[in-house]
Amino acid sequence: MSKKLYIGNLNFNVDSDKLKEIFSAFGEVEEATIISDKFSKRSKGFGFVTFVNDEDANKAIEEMNGKEVDGRTVKVNEAKPMEDREDRPRRSFGDHGNGGGGFRGGGRSFGDRPPRRF
């Protein structure tokens, strides 16, 4: 059974090949992926490593969590499944989760004028 690990706080210079090389020391790595921004293609500073063997994955968590890799202290733990997109609340354009949004200041007026309605 394979186990997927989350690797966080990575140096932005670490690529998927380097990530696989680092974690191969603990066992057979099925896949290593760095997550990057879809527009700039720059690393987001985290990735995932899938081990073929659960024991190797557990050993990697114990050995690597809190260790320094390329000048950064990495966080390593078992990856959680991505939540269903249908279960997430929908947010509309301009909704920043602060009780309103856009440029109107959450429905509050500025000065003596009443809030502008669009």
PDB file of N, CA and C in Angstrom:
ATOM      1  N   MET A   1       0.840  -1.183   0.000  1.00  0.00           N
ATOM      2  CA  MET A   1       0.000   0.000   0.000  1.00  0.00           C
ATOM      3  C   MET A   1       0.883   1.242   0.000  1.00  0.00           C
ATOM      4  N   SER A   2       0.572   2.207  -0.831  1.00  0.00           N
ATOM      5  CA  SER A   2       1.388   3.419  -0.896  1.00  0.00           C
ATOM      6  C   SER A   2       0.855   4.479   0.065  1.00  0.00           C
ATOM      7  N   LYS A   3       1.746   5.387   0.462  1.00  0.00           N
ATOM      8  CA  LYS A   3       1.379   6.463   1.376  1.00  0.00           C
ATOM      9  C   LYS A   3       1.941   7.771   0.840  1.00  0.00           C
ATOM     10  N   LYS A   4       1.093   8.795   0.818  1.00  0.00           N
ATOM     11  CA  LYS A   4       1.486  10.111   0.307  1.00  0.00           C
ATOM     12  C   LYS A   4       1.786  11.042   1.472  1.00  0.00           C
ATOM     13  N   LEU A   5       2.912  11.742   1.357  1.00  0.00           N
ATOM     14  CA  LEU A   5       3.333  12.693   2.379  1.00  0.00           C
ATOM     15  C   LEU A   5       3.279  14.112   1.853  1.00  0.00           C
ATOM     16  N   TYR A   6       2.924  15.035   2.727  1.00  0.00           N
ATOM     17  CA  TYR A   6       2.974  16.465   2.443  1.00  0.00           C
ATOM     18  C   TYR A   6       4.321  16.977   2.930  1.00  0.00           C
ATOM     19  N   ILE A   7       5.008  17.746   2.089  1.00  0.00           N
ATOM     20  CA  ILE A   7       6.294  18.339   2.456  1.00  0.00           C
ATOM     21  C   ILE A   7       6.134  19.849   2.333  1.00  0.00           C
ATOM     22  N   GLY A   8       6.182  20.554   3.455  1.00  0.00           N
ATOM     23  CA  GLY A   8       5.958  21.998   3.446  1.00  0.00           C
ATOM     24  C   GLY A   8       7.180  22.789   3.830  1.00  0.00           C
ATOM     25  N   ASN A   9       7.129  24.091   3.549  1.00  0.00           N
ATOM     26  CA  ASN A   9       8.194  25.054   3.833  1.00  0.00           C
ATOM     27  C   ASN A   9       9.482  24.731   3.085  1.00  0.00           C
ATOM     28  N   LEU A  10       9.323  24.291   1.845  1.00  0.00           N
ATOM     29  CA  LEU A  10      10.493  23.974   1.027  1.00  0.00           C
ATOM     30  C   LEU A  10      11.102  25.241   0.437  1.00  0.00           C
ATOM     31  N   ASN A  11      12.404  25.203   0.233  1.00  0.00           N
ATOM     32  CA  ASN A  11      13.094  26.258  -0.487  1.00  0.00           C
ATOM     33  C   ASN A  11      12.520  26.304  -1.901  1.00  0.00           C
ATOM     34  N   PHE A  12      12.310  27.493  -2.445  1.00  0.00           N
ATOM     35  CA  PHE A  12      11.714  27.634  -3.769  1.00  0.00           C
ATOM     36  C   PHE A  12      12.593  27.074  -4.890  1.00  0.00           C
ATOM     37  N   ASN A  13      13.847  26.800  -4.599  1.00  0.00           N
ATOM     38  CA  ASN A  13      14.756  26.228  -5.606  1.00  0.00           C
ATOM     39  C   ASN A  13      14.671  24.706  -5.694  1.00  0.00           C
ATOM     40  N   VAL A  14      13.986  24.064  -4.755  1.00  0.00           N
ATOM     41  CA  VAL A  14      13.858  22.604  -4.773  1.00  0.00           C
ATOM     42  C   VAL A  14      12.844  22.218  -5.848  1.00  0.00           C
ATOM     43  N   ASP A  15      13.270  21.355  -6.779  1.00  0.00           N
ATOM     44  CA  ASP A  15      12.355  20.872  -7.813  1.00  0.00           C
ATOM     45  C   ASP A  15      11.951  19.429  -7.514  1.00  0.00           C
ATOM     46  N   SER A  16      11.109  18.871  -8.363  1.00  0.00           N
ATOM     47  CA  SER A  16      10.599  17.515  -8.126  1.00  0.00           C
ATOM     48  C   SER A  16      11.712  16.476  -8.096  1.00  0.00           C
ATOM     49  N   ASP A  17      12.719  16.621  -8.953  1.00  0.00           N
ATOM     50  CA  ASP A  17      13.832  15.668  -8.977  1.00  0.00           C
ATOM     51  C   ASP A  17      14.635  15.717  -7.676  1.00  0.00           C
ATOM     52  N   LYS A  18      14.890  16.918  -7.190  1.00  0.00           N
ATOM     53  CA  LYS A  18      15.633  17.082  -5.935  1.00  0.00           C
ATOM     54  C   LYS A  18      14.827  16.510  -4.757  1.00  0.00           C
ATOM     55  N   LEU A  19      13.504  16.745  -4.772  1.00  0.00           N
ATOM     56  CA  LEU A  19      12.640  16.221  -3.721  1.00  0.00           C
ATOM     57  C   LEU A  19      12.679  14.690  -3.706  1.00  0.00           C
ATOM     58  N   LYS A  20      12.610  14.097  -4.887  1.00  0.00           N
ATOM     59  CA  LYS A  20      12.668  12.632  -4.983  1.00  0.00           C
ATOM     60  C   LYS A  20      14.015  12.119  -4.493  1.00  0.00           C
ATOM     61  N   GLU A  21      15.077  12.808  -4.856  1.00  0.00           N
ATOM     62  CA  GLU A  21      16.429  12.413  -4.434  1.00  0.00           C
ATOM     63  C   GLU A  21      16.553  12.440  -2.910  1.00  0.00           C
ATOM     64  N   ILE A  22      16.032  13.481  -2.285  1.00  0.00           N
ATOM     65  CA  ILE A  22      16.116  13.624  -0.822  1.00  0.00           C
ATOM     66  C   ILE A  22      15.375  12.489  -0.122  1.00  0.00           C
ATOM     67  N   PHE A  23      14.159  12.182  -0.575  1.00  0.00           N
ATOM     68  CA  PHE A  23      13.326  11.207   0.128  1.00  0.00           C
ATOM     69  C   PHE A  23      13.583   9.765  -0.299  1.00  0.00           C
ATOM     70  N   SER A  24      14.329   9.561  -1.360  1.00  0.00           N
ATOM     71  CA  SER A  24      14.692   8.196  -1.773  1.00  0.00           C
ATOM     72  C   SER A  24      15.610   7.526  -0.761  1.00  0.00           C
ATOM     73  N   ALA A  25      16.231   8.323   0.095  1.00  0.00           N
ATOM     74  CA  ALA A  25      17.097   7.768   1.134  1.00  0.00           C
ATOM     75  C   ALA A  25      16.306   6.914   2.129  1.00  0.00           C
ATOM     76  N   PHE A  26      14.989   7.076   2.176  1.00  0.00           N
ATOM     77  CA  PHE A  26      14.160   6.358   3.138  1.00  0.00           C
ATOM     78  C   PHE A  26      13.430   5.166   2.543  1.00  0.00           C
ATOM     79  N   GLY A  27      13.472   5.025   1.215  1.00  0.00           N
ATOM     80  CA  GLY A  27      12.799   3.905   0.571  1.00  0.00           C
ATOM     81  C   GLY A  27      12.402   4.252  -0.854  1.00  0.00           C
ATOM     82  N   GLU A  28      11.671   3.342  -1.473  1.00  0.00           N
ATOM     83  CA  GLU A  28      11.285   3.520  -2.875  1.00  0.00           C
ATOM     84  C   GLU A  28      10.191   4.580  -2.994  1.00  0.00           C
ATOM     85  N   VAL A  29      10.494   5.633  -3.758  1.00  0.00           N
ATOM     86  CA  VAL A  29       9.565   6.725  -3.984  1.00  0.00           C
ATOM     87  C   VAL A  29       8.839   6.483  -5.302  1.00  0.00           C
ATOM     88  N   GLU A  30       7.517   6.435  -5.224  1.00  0.00           N
ATOM     89  CA  GLU A  30       6.694   6.236  -6.415  1.00  0.00           C
ATOM     90  C   GLU A  30       6.570   7.530  -7.221  1.00  0.00           C
ATOM     91  N   GLU A  31       6.412   8.650  -6.509  1.00  0.00           N
ATOM     92  CA  GLU A  31       6.232   9.941  -7.175  1.00  0.00           C
ATOM     93  C   GLU A  31       6.631  11.061  -6.232  1.00  0.00           C
ATOM     94  N   ALA A  32       7.238  12.094  -6.791  1.00  0.00           N
ATOM     95  CA  ALA A  32       7.564  13.306  -6.035  1.00  0.00           C
ATOM     96  C   ALA A  32       7.162  14.502  -6.895  1.00  0.00           C
ATOM     97  N   THR A  33       6.362  15.395  -6.309  1.00  0.00           N
ATOM     98  CA  THR A  33       5.827  16.515  -7.069  1.00  0.00           C
ATOM     99  C   THR A  33       5.933  17.804  -6.272  1.00  0.00           C
ATOM    100  N   ILE A  34       6.454  18.842  -6.903  1.00  0.00           N
ATOM    101  CA  ILE A  34       6.459  20.181  -6.331  1.00  0.00           C
ATOM    102  C   ILE A  34       5.244  20.909  -6.910  1.00  0.00           C
ATOM    103  N   ILE A  35       4.498  21.586  -6.067  1.00  0.00           N
ATOM    104  CA  ILE A  35       3.331  22.335  -6.518  1.00  0.00           C
ATOM    105  C   ILE A  35       3.799  23.734  -6.917  1.00  0.00           C
ATOM    106  N   SER A  36       3.401  24.156  -8.118  1.00  0.00           N
ATOM    107  CA  SER A  36       3.819  25.463  -8.618  1.00  0.00           C
ATOM    108  C   SER A  36       2.618  26.293  -9.041  1.00  0.00           C
ATOM    109  N   ASP A  37       2.825  27.599  -9.075  1.00  0.00           N
ATOM    110  CA  ASP A  37       1.796  28.538  -9.498  1.00  0.00           C
ATOM    111  C   ASP A  37       1.485  28.306 -10.970  1.00  0.00           C
ATOM    112  N   LYS A  38       0.205  28.264 -11.311  1.00  0.00           N
ATOM    113  CA  LYS A  38      -0.161  27.919 -12.681  1.00  0.00           C
ATOM    114  C   LYS A  38       0.172  29.019 -13.675  1.00  0.00           C
ATOM    115  N   PHE A  39       0.330  30.248 -13.224  1.00  0.00           N
ATOM    116  CA  PHE A  39       0.650  31.334 -14.137  1.00  0.00           C
ATOM    117  C   PHE A  39       2.153  31.585 -14.226  1.00  0.00           C
ATOM    118  N   SER A  40       2.806  31.744 -13.089  1.00  0.00           N
ATOM    119  CA  SER A  40       4.240  32.070 -13.084  1.00  0.00           C
ATOM    120  C   SER A  40       5.129  30.832 -13.146  1.00  0.00           C
ATOM    121  N   LYS A  41       4.567  29.665 -12.872  1.00  0.00           N
ATOM    122  CA  LYS A  41       5.304  28.392 -12.829  1.00  0.00           C
ATOM    123  C   LYS A  41       6.319  28.349 -11.695  1.00  0.00           C
ATOM    124  N   ARG A  42       6.279  29.309 -10.787  1.00  0.00           N
ATOM    125  CA  ARG A  42       7.189  29.343  -9.643  1.00  0.00           C
ATOM    126  C   ARG A  42       6.673  28.407  -8.557  1.00  0.00           C
ATOM    127  N   SER A  43       7.590  27.752  -7.871  1.00  0.00           N
ATOM    128  CA  SER A  43       7.236  26.850  -6.780  1.00  0.00           C
ATOM    129  C   SER A  43       6.446  27.587  -5.710  1.00  0.00           C
ATOM    130  N   LYS A  44       5.458  26.891  -5.140  1.00  0.00           N
ATOM    131  CA  LYS A  44       4.696  27.457  -4.033  1.00  0.00           C
ATOM    132  C   LYS A  44       5.319  27.095  -2.685  1.00  0.00           C
ATOM    133  N   GLY A  45       6.418  26.349  -2.693  1.00  0.00           N
ATOM    134  CA  GLY A  45       7.125  26.028  -1.453  1.00  0.00           C
ATOM    135  C   GLY A  45       6.635  24.779  -0.753  1.00  0.00           C
ATOM    136  N   PHE A  46       5.841  23.962  -1.459  1.00  0.00           N
ATOM    137  CA  PHE A  46       5.435  22.692  -0.876  1.00  0.00           C
ATOM    138  C   PHE A  46       5.257  21.664  -1.974  1.00  0.00           C
ATOM    139  N   GLY A  47       5.214  20.403  -1.557  1.00  0.00           N
ATOM    140  CA  GLY A  47       5.062  19.329  -2.522  1.00  0.00           C
ATOM    141  C   GLY A  47       4.587  18.061  -1.845  1.00  0.00           C
ATOM    142  N   PHE A  48       4.541  17.001  -2.629  1.00  0.00           N
ATOM    143  CA  PHE A  48       4.074  15.708  -2.147  1.00  0.00           C
ATOM    144  C   PHE A  48       5.029  14.612  -2.595  1.00  0.00           C
ATOM    145  N   VAL A  49       5.229  13.643  -1.726  1.00  0.00           N
ATOM    146  CA  VAL A  49       6.045  12.469  -2.031  1.00  0.00           C
ATOM    147  C   VAL A  49       5.199  11.242  -1.719  1.00  0.00           C
ATOM    148  N   THR A  50       5.106  10.332  -2.697  1.00  0.00           N
ATOM    149  CA  THR A  50       4.366   9.083  -2.491  1.00  0.00           C
ATOM    150  C   THR A  50       5.352   7.943  -2.388  1.00  0.00           C
ATOM    151  N   PHE A  51       5.308   7.257  -1.253  1.00  0.00           N
ATOM    152  CA  PHE A  51       6.160   6.094  -1.031  1.00  0.00           C
ATOM    153  C   PHE A  51       5.406   4.828  -1.393  1.00  0.00           C
ATOM    154  N   VAL A  52       6.126   3.832  -1.906  1.00  0.00           N
ATOM    155  CA  VAL A  52       5.540   2.535  -2.225  1.00  0.00           C
ATOM    156  C   VAL A  52       5.167   1.805  -0.942  1.00  0.00           C
ATOM    157  N   ASN A  53       5.997   1.954   0.077  1.00  0.00           N
ATOM    158  CA  ASN A  53       5.861   1.210   1.323  1.00  0.00           C
ATOM    159  C   ASN A  53       5.495   2.159   2.473  1.00  0.00           C
ATOM    160  N   ASP A  54       4.482   1.817   3.257  1.00  0.00           N
ATOM    161  CA  ASP A  54       4.045   2.641   4.388  1.00  0.00           C
ATOM    162  C   ASP A  54       5.122   2.814   5.454  1.00  0.00           C
ATOM    163  N   GLU A  55       5.885   1.761   5.717  1.00  0.00           N
ATOM    164  CA  GLU A  55       6.933   1.844   6.747  1.00  0.00           C
ATOM    165  C   GLU A  55       8.004   2.854   6.351  1.00  0.00           C
ATOM    166  N   ASP A  56       8.355   2.884   5.055  1.00  0.00           N
ATOM    167  CA  ASP A  56       9.345   3.857   4.583  1.00  0.00           C
ATOM    168  C   ASP A  56       8.818   5.275   4.739  1.00  0.00           C
ATOM    169  N   ALA A  57       7.529   5.464   4.464  1.00  0.00           N
ATOM    170  CA  ALA A  57       6.913   6.784   4.603  1.00  0.00           C
ATOM    171  C   ALA A  57       6.931   7.225   6.061  1.00  0.00           C
ATOM    172  N   ASN A  58       6.592   6.328   6.965  1.00  0.00           N
ATOM    173  CA  ASN A  58       6.607   6.656   8.395  1.00  0.00           C
ATOM    174  C   ASN A  58       8.012   7.010   8.866  1.00  0.00           C
ATOM    175  N   LYS A  59       9.009   6.284   8.363  1.00  0.00           N
ATOM    176  CA  LYS A  59      10.406   6.562   8.710  1.00  0.00           C
ATOM    177  C   LYS A  59      10.808   7.953   8.205  1.00  0.00           C
ATOM    178  N   ALA A  60      10.362   8.307   6.993  1.00  0.00           N
ATOM    179  CA  ALA A  60      10.672   9.626   6.432  1.00  0.00           C
ATOM    180  C   ALA A  60      10.042  10.740   7.269  1.00  0.00           C
ATOM    181  N   ILE A  61       8.817  10.526   7.740  1.00  0.00           N
ATOM    182  CA  ILE A  61       8.158  11.528   8.587  1.00  0.00           C
ATOM    183  C   ILE A  61       8.965  11.736   9.867  1.00  0.00           C
ATOM    184  N   GLU A  62       9.344  10.637  10.513  1.00  0.00           N
ATOM    185  CA  GLU A  62      10.098  10.720  11.767  1.00  0.00           C
ATOM    186  C   GLU A  62      11.440  11.418  11.583  1.00  0.00           C
ATOM    187  N   GLU A  63      12.127  11.084  10.504  1.00  0.00           N
ATOM    188  CA  GLU A  63      13.488  11.592  10.282  1.00  0.00           C
ATOM    189  C   GLU A  63      13.522  13.016   9.722  1.00  0.00           C
ATOM    190  N   MET A  64      12.546  13.374   8.874  1.00  0.00           N
ATOM    191  CA  MET A  64      12.640  14.638   8.144  1.00  0.00           C
ATOM    192  C   MET A  64      11.814  15.781   8.722  1.00  0.00           C
ATOM    193  N   ASN A  65      10.776  15.494   9.492  1.00  0.00           N
ATOM    194  CA  ASN A  65       9.958  16.576  10.036  1.00  0.00           C
ATOM    195  C   ASN A  65      10.787  17.436  10.981  1.00  0.00           C
ATOM    196  N   GLY A  66      10.867  18.728  10.678  1.00  0.00           N
ATOM    197  CA  GLY A  66      11.652  19.650  11.494  1.00  0.00           C
ATOM    198  C   GLY A  66      13.116  19.743  11.108  1.00  0.00           C
ATOM    199  N   LYS A  67      13.538  19.006  10.092  1.00  0.00           N
ATOM    200  CA  LYS A  67      14.936  19.057   9.644  1.00  0.00           C
ATOM    201  C   LYS A  67      15.120  20.178   8.637  1.00  0.00           C
ATOM    202  N   GLU A  68      16.355  20.610   8.486  1.00  0.00           N
ATOM    203  CA  GLU A  68      16.677  21.677   7.549  1.00  0.00           C
ATOM    204  C   GLU A  68      17.032  21.093   6.181  1.00  0.00           C
ATOM    205  N   VAL A  69      16.399  21.634   5.139  1.00  0.00           N
ATOM    206  CA  VAL A  69      16.688  21.254   3.755  1.00  0.00           C
ATOM    207  C   VAL A  69      16.900  22.541   2.971  1.00  0.00           C
ATOM    208  N   ASP A  70      18.085  22.718   2.424  1.00  0.00           N
ATOM    209  CA  ASP A  70      18.438  23.922   1.657  1.00  0.00           C
ATOM    210  C   ASP A  70      18.107  25.213   2.410  1.00  0.00           C
ATOM    211  N   GLY A  71      18.449  25.237   3.701  1.00  0.00           N
ATOM    212  CA  GLY A  71      18.294  26.446   4.487  1.00  0.00           C
ATOM    213  C   GLY A  71      16.909  26.685   5.074  1.00  0.00           C
ATOM    214  N   ARG A  72      15.978  25.755   4.901  1.00  0.00           N
ATOM    215  CA  ARG A  72      14.626  25.924   5.441  1.00  0.00           C
ATOM    216  C   ARG A  72      14.243  24.707   6.273  1.00  0.00           C
ATOM    217  N   THR A  73      13.541  24.926   7.367  1.00  0.00           N
ATOM    218  CA  THR A  73      13.065  23.835   8.215  1.00  0.00           C
ATOM    219  C   THR A  73      11.766  23.306   7.634  1.00  0.00           C
ATOM    220  N   VAL A  74      11.800  22.064   7.155  1.00  0.00           N
ATOM    221  CA  VAL A  74      10.639  21.510   6.460  1.00  0.00           C
ATOM    222  C   VAL A  74       9.653  20.859   7.422  1.00  0.00           C
ATOM    223  N   LYS A  75       8.402  20.843   6.990  1.00  0.00           N
ATOM    224  CA  LYS A  75       7.332  20.170   7.732  1.00  0.00           C
ATOM    225  C   LYS A  75       6.934  18.958   6.898  1.00  0.00           C
ATOM    226  N   VAL A  76       6.952  17.795   7.526  1.00  0.00           N
ATOM    227  CA  VAL A  76       6.622  16.550   6.825  1.00  0.00           C
ATOM    228  C   VAL A  76       5.560  15.811   7.617  1.00  0.00           C
ATOM    229  N   ASN A  77       4.435  15.520   6.965  1.00  0.00           N
ATOM    230  CA  ASN A  77       3.402  14.705   7.595  1.00  0.00           C
ATOM    231  C   ASN A  77       2.586  14.000   6.528  1.00  0.00           C
ATOM    232  N   GLU A  78       1.706  13.121   6.964  1.00  0.00           N
ATOM    233  CA  GLU A  78       0.882  12.383   6.015  1.00  0.00           C
ATOM    234  C   GLU A  78      -0.085  13.351   5.341  1.00  0.00           C
ATOM    235  N   ALA A  79      -0.179  13.235   4.019  1.00  0.00           N
ATOM    236  CA  ALA A  79      -1.067  14.121   3.260  1.00  0.00           C
ATOM    237  C   ALA A  79      -2.516  13.782   3.556  1.00  0.00           C
ATOM    238  N   LYS A  80      -3.331  14.816   3.675  1.00  0.00           N
ATOM    239  CA  LYS A  80      -4.766  14.628   3.873  1.00  0.00           C
ATOM    240  C   LYS A  80      -5.441  14.687   2.509  1.00  0.00           C
ATOM    241  N   PRO A  81      -6.502  13.913   2.327  1.00  0.00           N
ATOM    242  CA  PRO A  81      -7.181  13.956   1.032  1.00  0.00           C
ATOM    243  C   PRO A  81      -7.780  15.332   0.771  1.00  0.00           C
ATOM    244  N   MET A  82      -7.715  15.739  -0.506  1.00  0.00           N
ATOM    245  CA  MET A  82      -8.277  17.029  -0.880  1.00  0.00           C
ATOM    246  C   MET A  82      -9.789  16.984  -0.705  1.00  0.00           C
ATOM    247  N   GLU A  83     -10.341  18.026  -0.083  1.00  0.00           N
ATOM    248  CA  GLU A  83     -11.782  18.037   0.151  1.00  0.00           C
ATOM    249  C   GLU A  83     -12.528  18.155  -1.177  1.00  0.00           C
ATOM    250  N   ASP A  84     -13.722  17.610  -1.185  1.00  0.00           N
ATOM    251  CA  ASP A  84     -14.550  17.664  -2.377  1.00  0.00           C
ATOM    252  C   ASP A  84     -14.854  19.108  -2.726  1.00  0.00           C
ATOM    253  N   ARG A  85     -14.643  19.479  -3.958  1.00  0.00           N
ATOM    254  CA  ARG A  85     -14.907  20.848  -4.376  1.00  0.00           C
ATOM    255  C   ARG A  85     -16.388  21.202  -4.254  1.00  0.00           C
ATOM    256  N   GLU A  86     -17.278  20.226  -4.376  1.00  0.00           N
ATOM    257  CA  GLU A  86     -18.709  20.488  -4.275  1.00  0.00           C
ATOM    258  C   GLU A  86     -19.110  20.840  -2.846  1.00  0.00           C
ATOM    259  N   ASP A  87     -18.347  20.375  -1.858  1.00  0.00           N
ATOM    260  CA  ASP A  87     -18.675  20.627  -0.463  1.00  0.00           C
ATOM    261  C   ASP A  87     -18.222  22.000   0.015  1.00  0.00           C
ATOM    262  N   ARG A  88     -17.302  22.615  -0.720  1.00  0.00           N
ATOM    263  CA  ARG A  88     -16.786  23.908  -0.299  1.00  0.00           C
ATOM    264  C   ARG A  88     -17.809  25.004  -0.592  1.00  0.00           C
ATOM    265  N   PRO A  89     -17.899  25.999   0.275  1.00  0.00           N
ATOM    266  CA  PRO A  89     -18.823  27.097  -0.004  1.00  0.00           C
ATOM    267  C   PRO A  89     -18.348  27.878  -1.220  1.00  0.00           C
ATOM    268  N   ARG A  90     -19.278  28.288  -2.032  1.00  0.00           N
ATOM    269  CA  ARG A  90     -18.963  29.074  -3.231  1.00  0.00           C
ATOM    270  C   ARG A  90     -18.743  30.521  -2.821  1.00  0.00           C
ATOM    271  N   ARG A  91     -17.762  31.141  -3.426  1.00  0.00           N
ATOM    272  CA  ARG A  91     -17.492  32.546  -3.166  1.00  0.00           C
ATOM    273  C   ARG A  91     -17.608  33.295  -4.477  1.00  0.00           C
ATOM    274  N   SER A  92     -18.237  34.424  -4.425  1.00  0.00           N
ATOM    275  CA  SER A  92     -18.396  35.211  -5.637  1.00  0.00           C
ATOM    276  C   SER A  92     -17.262  36.213  -5.750  1.00  0.00           C
ATOM    277  N   PHE A  93     -17.140  36.811  -6.910  1.00  0.00           N
ATOM    278  CA  PHE A  93     -16.115  37.817  -7.159  1.00  0.00           C
ATOM    279  C   PHE A  93     -16.299  38.958  -6.169  1.00  0.00           C
ATOM    280  N   GLY A  94     -15.238  39.355  -5.540  1.00  0.00           N
ATOM    281  CA  GLY A  94     -15.314  40.448  -4.594  1.00  0.00           C
ATOM    282  C   GLY A  94     -15.628  40.010  -3.176  1.00  0.00           C
ATOM    283  N   ASP A  95     -15.989  38.748  -2.972  1.00  0.00           N
ATOM    284  CA  ASP A  95     -16.284  38.257  -1.635  1.00  0.00           C
ATOM    285  C   ASP A  95     -14.978  37.825  -0.992  1.00  0.00           C
ATOM    286  N   HIS A  96     -14.513  38.590  -0.048  1.00  0.00           N
ATOM    287  CA  HIS A  96     -13.238  38.286   0.598  1.00  0.00           C
ATOM    288  C   HIS A  96     -13.435  37.682   1.971  1.00  0.00           C
ATOM    289  N   GLY A  97     -14.645  37.226   2.248  1.00  0.00           N
ATOM    290  CA  GLY A  97     -14.902  36.571   3.523  1.00  0.00           C
ATOM    291  C   GLY A  97     -14.943  37.525   4.696  1.00  0.00           C
ATOM    292  N   ASN A  98     -15.152  38.816   4.426  1.00  0.00           N
ATOM    293  CA  ASN A  98     -15.143  39.777   5.522  1.00  0.00           C
ATOM    294  C   ASN A  98     -16.497  40.477   5.678  1.00  0.00           C
ATOM    295  N   GLY A  99     -17.572  39.791   5.376  1.00  0.00           N
ATOM    296  CA  GLY A  99     -18.887  40.334   5.617  1.00  0.00           C
ATOM    297  C   GLY A  99     -19.378  41.282   4.551  1.00  0.00           C
ATOM    298  N   GLY A 100     -18.891  41.191   3.405  1.00  0.00           N
ATOM    299  CA  GLY A 100     -19.300  42.083   2.321  1.00  0.00           C
ATOM    300  C   GLY A 100     -18.203  42.076   1.303  1.00  0.00           C
ATOM    301  N   GLY A 101     -17.938  43.155   0.715  1.00  0.00           N
ATOM    302  CA  GLY A 101     -16.763  43.112  -0.117  1.00  0.00           C
ATOM    303  C   GLY A 101     -16.751  44.155  -1.183  1.00  0.00           C
ATOM    304  N   GLY A 102     -15.905  43.874  -2.100  1.00  0.00           N
ATOM    305  CA  GLY A 102     -15.728  44.816  -3.183  1.00  0.00           C
ATOM    306  C   GLY A 102     -15.106  46.083  -2.649  1.00  0.00           C
ATOM    307  N   PHE A 103     -15.459  47.180  -3.295  1.00  0.00           N
ATOM    308  CA  PHE A 103     -14.881  48.464  -2.929  1.00  0.00           C
ATOM    309  C   PHE A 103     -15.813  49.287  -2.048  1.00  0.00           C
ATOM    310  N   ARG A 104     -16.940  48.714  -1.664  1.00  0.00           N
ATOM    311  CA  ARG A 104     -17.925  49.449  -0.880  1.00  0.00           C
ATOM    312  C   ARG A 104     -17.648  49.359   0.609  1.00  0.00           C
ATOM    313  N   GLY A 105     -16.680  48.619   1.005  1.00  0.00           N
ATOM    314  CA  GLY A 105     -16.343  48.528   2.424  1.00  0.00           C
ATOM    315  C   GLY A 105     -17.355  47.714   3.218  1.00  0.00           C
ATOM    316  N   GLY A 106     -17.905  46.658   2.608  1.00  0.00           N
ATOM    317  CA  GLY A 106     -18.827  45.786   3.318  1.00  0.00           C
ATOM    318  C   GLY A 106     -20.188  46.417   3.561  1.00  0.00           C
ATOM    319  N   GLY A 107     -20.603  47.349   2.707  1.00  0.00           N
ATOM    320  CA  GLY A 107     -21.921  47.953   2.838  1.00  0.00           C
ATOM    321  C   GLY A 107     -21.943  49.170   3.747  1.00  0.00           C
ATOM    322  N   ARG A 108     -20.812  49.544   4.306  1.00  0.00           N
ATOM    323  CA  ARG A 108     -20.739  50.736   5.151  1.00  0.00           C
ATOM    324  C   ARG A 108     -20.521  51.948   4.262  1.00  0.00           C
ATOM    325  N   SER A 109     -21.034  53.081   4.697  1.00  0.00           N
ATOM    326  CA  SER A 109     -20.870  54.289   3.888  1.00  0.00           C
ATOM    327  C   SER A 109     -19.563  54.971   4.252  1.00  0.00           C
ATOM    328  N   PHE A 110     -19.132  55.811   3.365  1.00  0.00           N
ATOM    329  CA  PHE A 110     -17.931  56.598   3.590  1.00  0.00           C
ATOM    330  C   PHE A 110     -18.365  58.050   3.677  1.00  0.00           C
ATOM    331  N   GLY A 111     -18.140  58.680   4.792  1.00  0.00           N
ATOM    332  CA  GLY A 111     -18.546  60.074   4.969  1.00  0.00           C
ATOM    333  C   GLY A 111     -20.038  60.175   5.197  1.00  0.00           C
ATOM    334  N   ASP A 112     -20.623  61.223   4.675  1.00  0.00           N
ATOM    335  CA  ASP A 112     -22.053  61.487   4.885  1.00  0.00           C
ATOM    336  C   ASP A 112     -22.931  60.814   3.857  1.00  0.00           C
ATOM    337  N   ARG A 113     -22.331  60.273   2.792  1.00  0.00           N
ATOM    338  CA  ARG A 113     -23.146  59.687   1.721  1.00  0.00           C
ATOM    339  C   ARG A 113     -23.649  58.311   2.101  1.00  0.00           C
ATOM    340  N   PRO A 114     -24.839  57.973   1.654  1.00  0.00           N
ATOM    341  CA  PRO A 114     -25.311  56.599   1.860  1.00  0.00           C
ATOM    342  C   PRO A 114     -24.523  55.645   0.963  1.00  0.00           C
ATOM    343  N   PRO A 115     -24.492  54.367   1.293  1.00  0.00           N
ATOM    344  CA  PRO A 115     -23.740  53.437   0.445  1.00  0.00           C
ATOM    345  C   PRO A 115     -24.299  53.388  -0.962  1.00  0.00           C
ATOM    346  N   ARG A 116     -23.414  53.290  -1.913  1.00  0.00           N
ATOM    347  CA  ARG A 116     -23.800  53.222  -3.316  1.00  0.00           C
ATOM    348  C   ARG A 116     -24.253  51.824  -3.647  1.00  0.00           C
ATOM    349  N   ARG A 117     -25.386  51.691  -4.279  1.00  0.00           N
ATOM    350  CA  ARG A 117     -25.902  50.379  -4.649  1.00  0.00           C
ATOM    351  C   ARG A 117     -25.642  50.123  -6.129  1.00  0.00           C
ATOM    352  N   PHE A 118     -25.146  48.961  -6.422  1.00  0.00           N
ATOM    353  CA  PHE A 118     -24.826  48.627  -7.824  1.00  0.00           C
ATOM    354  C   PHE A 118     -25.906  47.852  -8.471  1.00  0.00           C
TER     355      PHE A 118
END
